[in-house]
C-alpha atoms as a PDB file:
ATOM      1  CA  MET A   1     -20.838 -30.470 -46.558  1.00  0.00           C
ATOM      2  CA  SER A   2     -18.214 -28.093 -45.256  1.00  0.00           C
ATOM      3  CA  ILE A   3     -16.676 -28.387 -41.808  1.00  0.00           C
ATOM      4  CA  PHE A   4     -18.641 -25.326 -40.644  1.00  0.00           C
ATOM      5  CA  GLU A   5     -21.966 -26.848 -41.708  1.00  0.00           C
ATOM      6  CA  ASN A   6     -21.132 -30.058 -39.851  1.00  0.00           C
ATOM      7  CA  LEU A   7     -20.191 -28.053 -36.780  1.00  0.00           C
ATOM      8  CA  HIS A   8     -23.460 -26.118 -37.001  1.00  0.00           C
ATOM      9  CA  ILE A   9     -25.490 -29.358 -37.187  1.00  0.00           C
ATOM     10  CA  PHE A  10     -23.530 -30.811 -34.242  1.00  0.00           C
ATOM     11  CA  ILE A  11     -24.206 -27.750 -32.077  1.00  0.00           C
ATOM     12  CA  ARG A  12     -27.924 -27.837 -32.978  1.00  0.00           C
ATOM     13  CA  GLN A  13     -28.110 -31.509 -31.991  1.00  0.00           C
ATOM     14  CA  ILE A  14     -26.564 -30.738 -28.600  1.00  0.00           C
ATOM     15  CA  TYR A  15     -29.007 -27.845 -28.158  1.00  0.00           C
ATOM     16  CA  ILE A  16     -32.052 -30.022 -29.001  1.00  0.00           C
ATOM     17  CA  SER A  17     -30.794 -32.896 -26.829  1.00  0.00           C
ATOM     18  CA  SER A  18     -30.426 -30.564 -23.844  1.00  0.00           C
ATOM     19  CA  PHE A  19     -34.179 -29.894 -24.002  1.00  0.00           C
ATOM     20  CA  ARG A  20     -35.194 -33.501 -24.617  1.00  0.00           C
ATOM     21  CA  LYS A  21     -32.939 -34.851 -21.846  1.00  0.00           C
ATOM     22  CA  PHE A  22     -33.023 -31.884 -19.512  1.00  0.00           C
ATOM     23  CA  LYS A  23     -32.522 -34.012 -16.366  1.00  0.00           C
ATOM     24  CA  ILE A  24     -29.218 -35.360 -17.665  1.00  0.00           C
ATOM     25  CA  THR A  25     -28.242 -31.844 -18.767  1.00  0.00           C
ATOM     26  CA  TRP A  26     -28.916 -30.397 -15.302  1.00  0.00           C
ATOM     27  CA  ALA A  27     -27.011 -33.267 -13.684  1.00  0.00           C
ATOM     28  CA  ILE A  28     -23.962 -32.574 -15.874  1.00  0.00           C
ATOM     29  CA  LEU A  29     -24.147 -28.822 -15.177  1.00  0.00           C
ATOM     30  CA  ALA A  30     -24.482 -29.432 -11.430  1.00  0.00           C
ATOM     31  CA  SER A  31     -21.457 -31.757 -11.481  1.00  0.00           C
ATOM     32  CA  LEU A  32     -19.382 -29.184 -13.335  1.00  0.00           C
ATOM     33  CA  PHE A  33     -20.481 -26.480 -10.880  1.00  0.00           C
ATOM     34  CA  LEU A  34     -19.515 -28.592  -7.857  1.00  0.00           C
ATOM     35  CA  LEU A  35     -16.190 -29.453  -9.484  1.00  0.00           C
ATOM     36  CA  SER A  36     -15.535 -25.731 -10.002  1.00  0.00           C
ATOM     37  CA  LEU A  37     -16.401 -24.972  -6.367  1.00  0.00           C
ATOM     38  CA  SER A  38     -13.925 -27.601  -5.183  1.00  0.00           C
ATOM     39  CA  GLN A  39     -11.119 -25.669  -6.908  1.00  0.00           C
ATOM     40  CA  ILE A  40     -11.868 -22.308  -5.238  1.00  0.00           C
ATOM     41  CA  PRO A  41      -9.158 -22.780  -2.542  1.00  0.00           C
ATOM     42  CA  ASN A  42      -6.596 -22.949  -5.363  1.00  0.00           C
ATOM     43  CA  LEU A  43      -7.836 -19.697  -6.909  1.00  0.00           C
ATOM     44  CA  ARG A  44      -5.425 -16.773  -6.456  1.00  0.00           C
ATOM     45  CA  PHE A  45      -5.589 -13.092  -7.394  1.00  0.00           C
ATOM     46  CA  LEU A  46      -2.105 -12.122  -6.291  1.00  0.00           C
ATOM     47  CA  VAL A  47      -0.735  -8.598  -5.991  1.00  0.00           C
ATOM     48  CA  MET A  48       2.742  -9.259  -4.541  1.00  0.00           C
ATOM     49  CA  LEU A  49       5.776 -10.440  -6.465  1.00  0.00           C
ATOM     50  CA  SER A  50       6.792 -12.850  -3.688  1.00  0.00           C
ATOM     51  CA  ASP A  51       3.398 -14.576  -3.989  1.00  0.00           C
ATOM     52  CA  LEU A  52       3.780 -14.885  -7.750  1.00  0.00           C
ATOM     53  CA  LEU A  53       7.251 -16.451  -7.684  1.00  0.00           C
ATOM     54  CA  ASP A  54       7.580 -20.224  -7.641  1.00  0.00           C
ATOM     55  CA  LYS A  55       9.445 -21.464  -4.569  1.00  0.00           C
ATOM     56  CA  ASP A  56      11.273 -23.966  -6.768  1.00  0.00           C
ATOM     57  CA  PHE A  57      13.157 -21.199  -8.553  1.00  0.00           C
ATOM     58  CA  LYS A  58      16.890 -21.347  -7.814  1.00  0.00           C
ATOM     59  CA  THR A  59      16.955 -17.623  -7.005  1.00  0.00           C
ATOM     60  CA  TYR A  60      13.803 -17.645  -4.832  1.00  0.00           C
ATOM     61  CA  GLN A  61      15.746 -17.628  -1.539  1.00  0.00           C
ATOM     62  CA  GLN A  62      17.934 -14.777  -2.779  1.00  0.00           C
ATOM     63  CA  PHE A  63      14.816 -12.771  -3.555  1.00  0.00           C
ATOM     64  CA  GLN A  64      13.427 -13.517  -0.080  1.00  0.00           C
ATOM     65  CA  ASP A  65      16.690 -12.340   1.521  1.00  0.00           C
ATOM     66  CA  LEU A  66      16.652  -9.168  -0.580  1.00  0.00           C
ATOM     67  CA  ASN A  67      13.050  -8.439   0.351  1.00  0.00           C
ATOM     68  CA  ALA A  68      13.772  -9.067   4.041  1.00  0.00           C
ATOM     69  CA  ASN A  69      16.601  -6.522   3.983  1.00  0.00           C
ATOM     70  CA  PHE A  70      14.843  -3.774   2.031  1.00  0.00           C
ATOM     71  CA  THR A  71      11.068  -4.536   2.404  1.00  0.00           C
ATOM     72  CA  GLU A  72      10.352  -2.357  -0.633  1.00  0.00           C
ATOM     73  CA  GLU A  73       7.497  -4.606  -1.663  1.00  0.00           C
ATOM     74  CA  ASN A  74       5.208  -3.313   1.102  1.00  0.00           C
ATOM     75  CA  GLN A  75       6.238   0.329   1.144  1.00  0.00           C
ATOM     76  CA  VAL A  76       3.383   2.835   1.474  1.00  0.00           C
ATOM     77  CA  SER A  77       4.253   6.529   1.470  1.00  0.00           C
ATOM     78  CA  VAL A  78       2.365   9.770   1.971  1.00  0.00           C
ATOM     79  CA  LEU A  79       3.225  13.151   0.431  1.00  0.00           C
ATOM     80  CA  ILE A  80       1.923  16.019   2.563  1.00  0.00           C
ATOM     81  CA  LYS A  81       1.497  19.654   1.567  1.00  0.00           C
ATOM     82  CA  SER A  82      -0.606  22.714   2.386  1.00  0.00           C
ATOM     83  CA  ARG A  83      -3.187  24.424   0.189  1.00  0.00           C
ATOM     84  CA  ALA A  84      -1.611  27.706   1.309  1.00  0.00           C
ATOM     85  CA  GLY A  85       1.678  26.717  -0.315  1.00  0.00           C
ATOM     86  CA  GLU A  86       3.797  26.146   2.794  1.00  0.00           C
ATOM     87  CA  LEU A  87       3.036  24.109   5.897  1.00  0.00           C
ATOM     88  CA  SER A  88       2.722  26.166   9.067  1.00  0.00           C
ATOM     89  CA  GLN A  89       4.305  25.213  12.394  1.00  0.00           C
ATOM     90  CA  LYS A  90       0.883  24.122  13.675  1.00  0.00           C
ATOM     91  CA  GLN A  91       0.448  21.828  10.675  1.00  0.00           C
ATOM     92  CA  HIS A  92       3.952  20.392  11.057  1.00  0.00           C
ATOM     93  CA  CYS A  93       3.274  19.647  14.720  1.00  0.00           C
ATOM     94  CA  LEU A  94      -0.026  17.912  13.868  1.00  0.00           C
ATOM     95  CA  ILE A  95       1.889  15.597  11.515  1.00  0.00           C
ATOM     96  CA  ILE A  96       4.718  15.043  14.022  1.00  0.00           C
ATOM     97  CA  ASN A  97       2.253  14.154  16.802  1.00  0.00           C
ATOM     98  CA  TRP A  98       0.535  11.681  14.471  1.00  0.00           C
ATOM     99  CA  LEU A  99       3.855  10.020  13.557  1.00  0.00           C
ATOM    100  CA  ASN A 100       4.664   9.715  17.272  1.00  0.00           C
ATOM    101  CA  GLN A 101       1.324   7.982  17.843  1.00  0.00           C
ATOM    102  CA  VAL A 102       1.769   5.416  15.077  1.00  0.00           C
ATOM    103  CA  HIS A 103       2.538   2.252  17.021  1.00  0.00           C
ATOM    104  CA  LEU A 104       4.579  -0.177  14.971  1.00  0.00           C
ATOM    105  CA  LYS A 105       2.869  -3.287  16.350  1.00  0.00           C
ATOM    106  CA  GLN A 106      -0.645  -1.890  16.003  1.00  0.00           C
ATOM    107  CA  PHE A 107      -0.202  -1.077  12.319  1.00  0.00           C
ATOM    108  CA  ASP A 108       2.148  -4.028  11.640  1.00  0.00           C
ATOM    109  CA  ILE A 109       4.879  -1.592  10.529  1.00  0.00           C
ATOM    110  CA  LEU A 110       8.511  -2.683  10.379  1.00  0.00           C
ATOM    111  CA  ARG A 111       9.973   0.835  10.282  1.00  0.00           C
ATOM    112  CA  ILE A 112       9.165   4.464   9.451  1.00  0.00           C
ATOM    113  CA  PHE A 113      11.237   6.883   7.382  1.00  0.00           C
ATOM    114  CA  SER A 114      10.173  10.552   7.213  1.00  0.00           C
ATOM    115  CA  THR A 115      11.277  14.146   6.652  1.00  0.00           C
ATOM    116  CA  TYR A 116      11.115  14.687  10.402  1.00  0.00           C
ATOM    117  CA  GLY A 117      13.552  11.856  11.096  1.00  0.00           C
ATOM    118  CA  LEU A 118      16.593  13.488   9.495  1.00  0.00           C
ATOM    119  CA  LYS A 119      18.980  14.709  12.215  1.00  0.00           C
ATOM    120  CA  GLN A 120      22.077  16.878  12.545  1.00  0.00           C
ATOM    121  CA  ALA A 121      24.746  17.420  15.169  1.00  0.00           C
ATOM    122  CA  VAL A 122      24.425  20.693  17.091  1.00  0.00           C
ATOM    123  CA  ASP A 123      26.941  22.272  19.469  1.00  0.00           C
ATOM    124  CA  SER A 124      25.080  23.357  22.616  1.00  0.00           C
ATOM    125  CA  ASP A 125      26.884  24.494  25.792  1.00  0.00           C
ATOM    126  CA  ASN A 126      30.070  22.698  24.711  1.00  0.00           C
ATOM    127  CA  LEU A 127      28.042  19.515  24.231  1.00  0.00           C
ATOM    128  CA  LEU A 128      27.492  17.839  20.870  1.00  0.00           C
ATOM    129  CA  LYS A 129      23.832  16.917  20.544  1.00  0.00           C
ATOM    130  CA  VAL A 130      21.989  15.202  17.722  1.00  0.00           C
ATOM    131  CA  LYS A 131      18.486  16.492  17.049  1.00  0.00           C
ATOM    132  CA  PRO A 132      15.970  16.597  14.167  1.00  0.00           C
ATOM    133  CA  ILE A 133      16.507  19.344  11.610  1.00  0.00           C
ATOM    134  CA  LEU A 134      12.797  20.085  11.054  1.00  0.00           C
ATOM    135  CA  ILE A 135      10.832  21.420  14.089  1.00  0.00           C
ATOM    136  CA  PRO A 136      12.948  19.866  16.866  1.00  0.00           C
ATOM    137  CA  LYS A 137      10.448  21.015  19.537  1.00  0.00           C
ATOM    138  CA  CYS A 138       6.794  21.871  18.965  1.00  0.00           C
ATOM    139  CA  SER A 139       6.761  23.710  22.296  1.00  0.00           C
ATOM    140  CA  GLU A 140       8.988  26.425  20.793  1.00  0.00           C
ATOM    141  CA  ASP A 141       7.904  29.079  18.294  1.00  0.00           C
ATOM    142  CA  TYR A 142       9.328  29.064  14.746  1.00  0.00           C
ATOM    143  CA  ASN A 143       8.655  31.735  12.171  1.00  0.00           C
ATOM    144  CA  PRO A 144       7.923  30.713   8.561  1.00  0.00           C
ATOM    145  CA  GLU A 145      11.403  31.748   7.377  1.00  0.00           C
ATOM    146  CA  GLU A 146      13.064  29.545   9.978  1.00  0.00           C
ATOM    147  CA  ILE A 147      10.958  26.555   8.943  1.00  0.00           C
ATOM    148  CA  LYS A 148      11.793  27.280   5.308  1.00  0.00           C
ATOM    149  CA  LYS A 149      15.525  27.220   6.111  1.00  0.00           C
ATOM    150  CA  GLN A 150      15.120  23.895   7.921  1.00  0.00           C
ATOM    151  CA  LEU A 151      13.428  22.354   4.874  1.00  0.00           C
ATOM    152  CA  GLU A 152      16.090  23.813   2.566  1.00  0.00           C
ATOM    153  CA  THR A 153      18.759  22.158   4.717  1.00  0.00           C
ATOM    154  CA  ILE A 154      16.935  18.849   4.313  1.00  0.00           C
ATOM    155  CA  ALA A 155      16.630  19.414   0.548  1.00  0.00           C
ATOM    156  CA  LYS A 156      20.435  19.723   0.306  1.00  0.00           C
ATOM    157  CA  SER A 157      21.002  16.399   2.110  1.00  0.00           C
ATOM    158  CA  PRO A 158      21.731  13.150   0.172  1.00  0.00           C
ATOM    159  CA  SER A 159      18.085  12.065   0.612  1.00  0.00           C
ATOM    160  CA  GLY A 160      16.675  15.549   0.095  1.00  0.00           C
ATOM    161  CA  HIS A 161      15.082  14.822  -3.291  1.00  0.00           C
ATOM    162  CA  ILE A 162      12.881  12.230  -1.538  1.00  0.00           C
ATOM    163  CA  LEU A 163      12.146  14.020   1.731  1.00  0.00           C
ATOM    164  CA  THR A 164      10.834  17.272   0.238  1.00  0.00           C
ATOM    165  CA  ASN A 165      10.051  18.843  -3.135  1.00  0.00           C
ATOM    166  CA  LYS A 166      12.170  21.283  -5.176  1.00  0.00           C
ATOM    167  CA  ASN A 167      10.527  24.276  -3.496  1.00  0.00           C
ATOM    168  CA  SER A 168      11.159  22.853  -0.003  1.00  0.00           C
ATOM    169  CA  THR A 169       7.495  23.101   0.975  1.00  0.00           C
ATOM    170  CA  ASP A 170       6.279  19.473   1.179  1.00  0.00           C
ATOM    171  CA  VAL A 171       7.068  16.702   3.656  1.00  0.00           C
ATOM    172  CA  PHE A 172       7.172  12.941   3.225  1.00  0.00           C
ATOM    173  CA  ALA A 173       6.630   9.828   5.347  1.00  0.00           C
ATOM    174  CA  SER A 174       7.229   6.225   4.289  1.00  0.00           C
ATOM    175  CA  PHE A 175       6.035   3.090   6.092  1.00  0.00           C
ATOM    176  CA  TYR A 176       7.449  -0.400   5.554  1.00  0.00           C
ATOM    177  CA  MET A 177       4.711  -2.876   6.435  1.00  0.00           C
ATOM    178  CA  GLY A 178       4.892  -6.545   7.363  1.00  0.00           C
ATOM    179  CA  ASN A 179       3.219  -9.388   5.490  1.00  0.00           C
ATOM    180  CA  LEU A 180       0.326 -11.498   6.663  1.00  0.00           C
ATOM    181  CA  SER A 181       1.292 -14.948   7.912  1.00  0.00           C
ATOM    182  CA  ASP A 182       0.437 -18.043   5.858  1.00  0.00           C
ATOM    183  CA  GLU A 183      -2.534 -18.676   8.171  1.00  0.00           C
ATOM    184  CA  GLU A 184      -3.855 -15.130   7.703  1.00  0.00           C
ATOM    185  CA  ALA A 185      -3.295 -14.929   3.937  1.00  0.00           C
ATOM    186  CA  SER A 186      -6.389 -14.798   1.749  1.00  0.00           C
ATOM    187  CA  LEU A 187      -7.141 -15.566  -1.893  1.00  0.00           C
ATOM    188  CA  LEU A 188      -5.442 -12.233  -2.593  1.00  0.00           C
ATOM    189  CA  GLY A 189      -2.106 -13.179  -1.034  1.00  0.00           C
ATOM    190  CA  HIS A 190      -0.112 -11.880   1.932  1.00  0.00           C
ATOM    191  CA  PHE A 191      -0.488  -8.105   1.552  1.00  0.00           C
ATOM    192  CA  ASN A 192      -1.970  -6.597   4.728  1.00  0.00           C
ATOM    193  CA  THR A 193      -4.842  -4.483   3.406  1.00  0.00           C
ATOM    194  CA  LYS A 194      -6.381  -3.934   6.860  1.00  0.00           C
ATOM    195  CA  ALA A 195      -3.170  -2.477   8.316  1.00  0.00           C
ATOM    196  CA  PHE A 196      -2.946   0.060   5.478  1.00  0.00           C
ATOM    197  CA  GLU A 197      -6.608   1.023   5.910  1.00  0.00           C
ATOM    198  CA  ILE A 198      -6.085   1.551   9.658  1.00  0.00           C
ATOM    199  CA  LEU A 199      -3.031   3.717   8.895  1.00  0.00           C
ATOM    200  CA  LYS A 200      -5.003   5.897   6.467  1.00  0.00           C
ATOM    201  CA  GLU A 201      -7.946   6.245   8.860  1.00  0.00           C
ATOM    202  CA  SER A 202      -5.538   7.210  11.629  1.00  0.00           C
ATOM    203  CA  PHE A 203      -4.059  10.025   9.500  1.00  0.00           C
ATOM    204  CA  ASN A 204      -7.517  11.250   8.499  1.00  0.00           C
ATOM    205  CA  SER A 205      -8.773  11.446  12.096  1.00  0.00           C
ATOM    206  CA  SER A 206      -5.550  12.805  13.632  1.00  0.00           C
ATOM    207  CA  VAL A 207      -4.566  15.315  10.940  1.00  0.00           C
ATOM    208  CA  LEU A 208      -7.007  15.942   8.089  1.00  0.00           C
ATOM    209  CA  GLN A 209     -10.080  16.352  10.284  1.00  0.00           C
ATOM    210  CA  LYS A 210      -8.224  18.910  12.415  1.00  0.00           C
ATOM    211  CA  ASP A 211      -6.852  20.955   9.497  1.00  0.00           C
ATOM    212  CA  ASN A 212      -8.634  21.006   6.141  1.00  0.00           C
ATOM    213  CA  GLN A 213      -5.790  22.986   4.530  1.00  0.00           C
ATOM    214  CA  ILE A 214      -3.545  19.919   4.501  1.00  0.00           C
ATOM    215  CA  GLN A 215      -3.457  17.882   1.293  1.00  0.00           C
ATOM    216  CA  ILE A 216      -2.030  14.386   0.917  1.00  0.00           C
ATOM    217  CA  GLU A 217      -1.268  11.775  -1.723  1.00  0.00           C
ATOM    218  CA  TRP A 218      -0.568   8.102  -0.947  1.00  0.00           C
ATOM    219  CA  VAL A 219       2.117   6.582  -3.189  1.00  0.00           C
ATOM    220  CA  GLY A 220       4.513   3.606  -3.239  1.00  0.00           C
ATOM    221  CA  ILE A 221       4.515  -0.057  -4.235  1.00  0.00           C
ATOM    222  CA  GLY A 222       2.292  -1.080  -1.318  1.00  0.00           C
ATOM    223  CA  THR A 223      -0.244   1.619  -2.222  1.00  0.00           C
ATOM    224  CA  TYR A 224      -0.419   0.265  -5.769  1.00  0.00           C
ATOM    225  CA  GLN A 225      -0.891  -3.271  -4.414  1.00  0.00           C
ATOM    226  CA  TYR A 226      -3.666  -2.055  -2.110  1.00  0.00           C
ATOM    227  CA  TYR A 227      -5.724  -0.521  -4.921  1.00  0.00           C
ATOM    228  CA  LEU A 228      -5.013  -3.496  -7.193  1.00  0.00           C
ATOM    229  CA  GLN A 229      -6.331  -5.797  -4.465  1.00  0.00           C
ATOM    230  CA  LYS A 230      -9.448  -3.624  -4.082  1.00  0.00           C
ATOM    231  CA  ALA A 231      -9.983  -3.864  -7.840  1.00  0.00           C
ATOM    232  CA  TYR A 232      -9.803  -7.679  -7.645  1.00  0.00           C
ATOM    233  CA  GLU A 233     -12.395  -7.680  -4.844  1.00  0.00           C
ATOM    234  CA  GLN A 234     -14.777  -5.528  -6.886  1.00  0.00           C
ATOM    235  CA  MET A 235     -14.186  -7.702  -9.945  1.00  0.00           C
ATOM    236  CA  ASN A 236     -15.216 -10.806  -7.973  1.00  0.00           C
ATOM    237  CA  ILE A 237     -18.444  -9.106  -6.895  1.00  0.00           C
ATOM    238  CA  LEU A 238     -19.078  -8.120 -10.525  1.00  0.00           C
ATOM    239  CA  ASN A 239     -18.474 -11.715 -11.656  1.00  0.00           C
ATOM    240  CA  ILE A 240     -21.002 -13.023  -9.135  1.00  0.00           C
ATOM    241  CA  ILE A 241     -23.597 -10.504 -10.335  1.00  0.00           C
END
């Protein structure tokens, strides 16, 4: 007999025995199932590089220091534009008011970087003042050409290629979010999914629901990690089914 024929006979014997000694079979299956359940706390579907790295690596601490200084791992950003082509003053002020309402502690945000944060020195009444380039005061009136010039000034700055597009019509906001503590971390690691969801809901209620001409796109490493984590959650539900 060939090895495949012997294997076939062996499998058939196991199959027949499982019916003849079904109590033993169920006992073995139950034991294996309980053993599998006991290992669930060790199961990880990780989305962050810091969770994937072994703490025994010689360069682990260097990576932690780098991440603490730049926090790129949890960066979520939003690109904002208008269906009309250019954002109006009213739309800019809606976005500015929302950014002013984003409390760092509430959303677990370490810092915010946006188009509206770029400032310049202005000579006013023999006093040198520093104020934002784009829409310094929403209480004043700005015509579209003036707003366009402000965005063009931003586009020419060292960070201009990030803060607006080539046509100087879009704006940008980036949020650097904190990690969950070890006690709060789940099977999916330390990325704070809830904080990102609260941030998105806040933008929807404060801006999008008040002006349906505004369009947005969430980008960044943290955004990718968020949707990857959501995919893992759906995969677990699918596995159970």
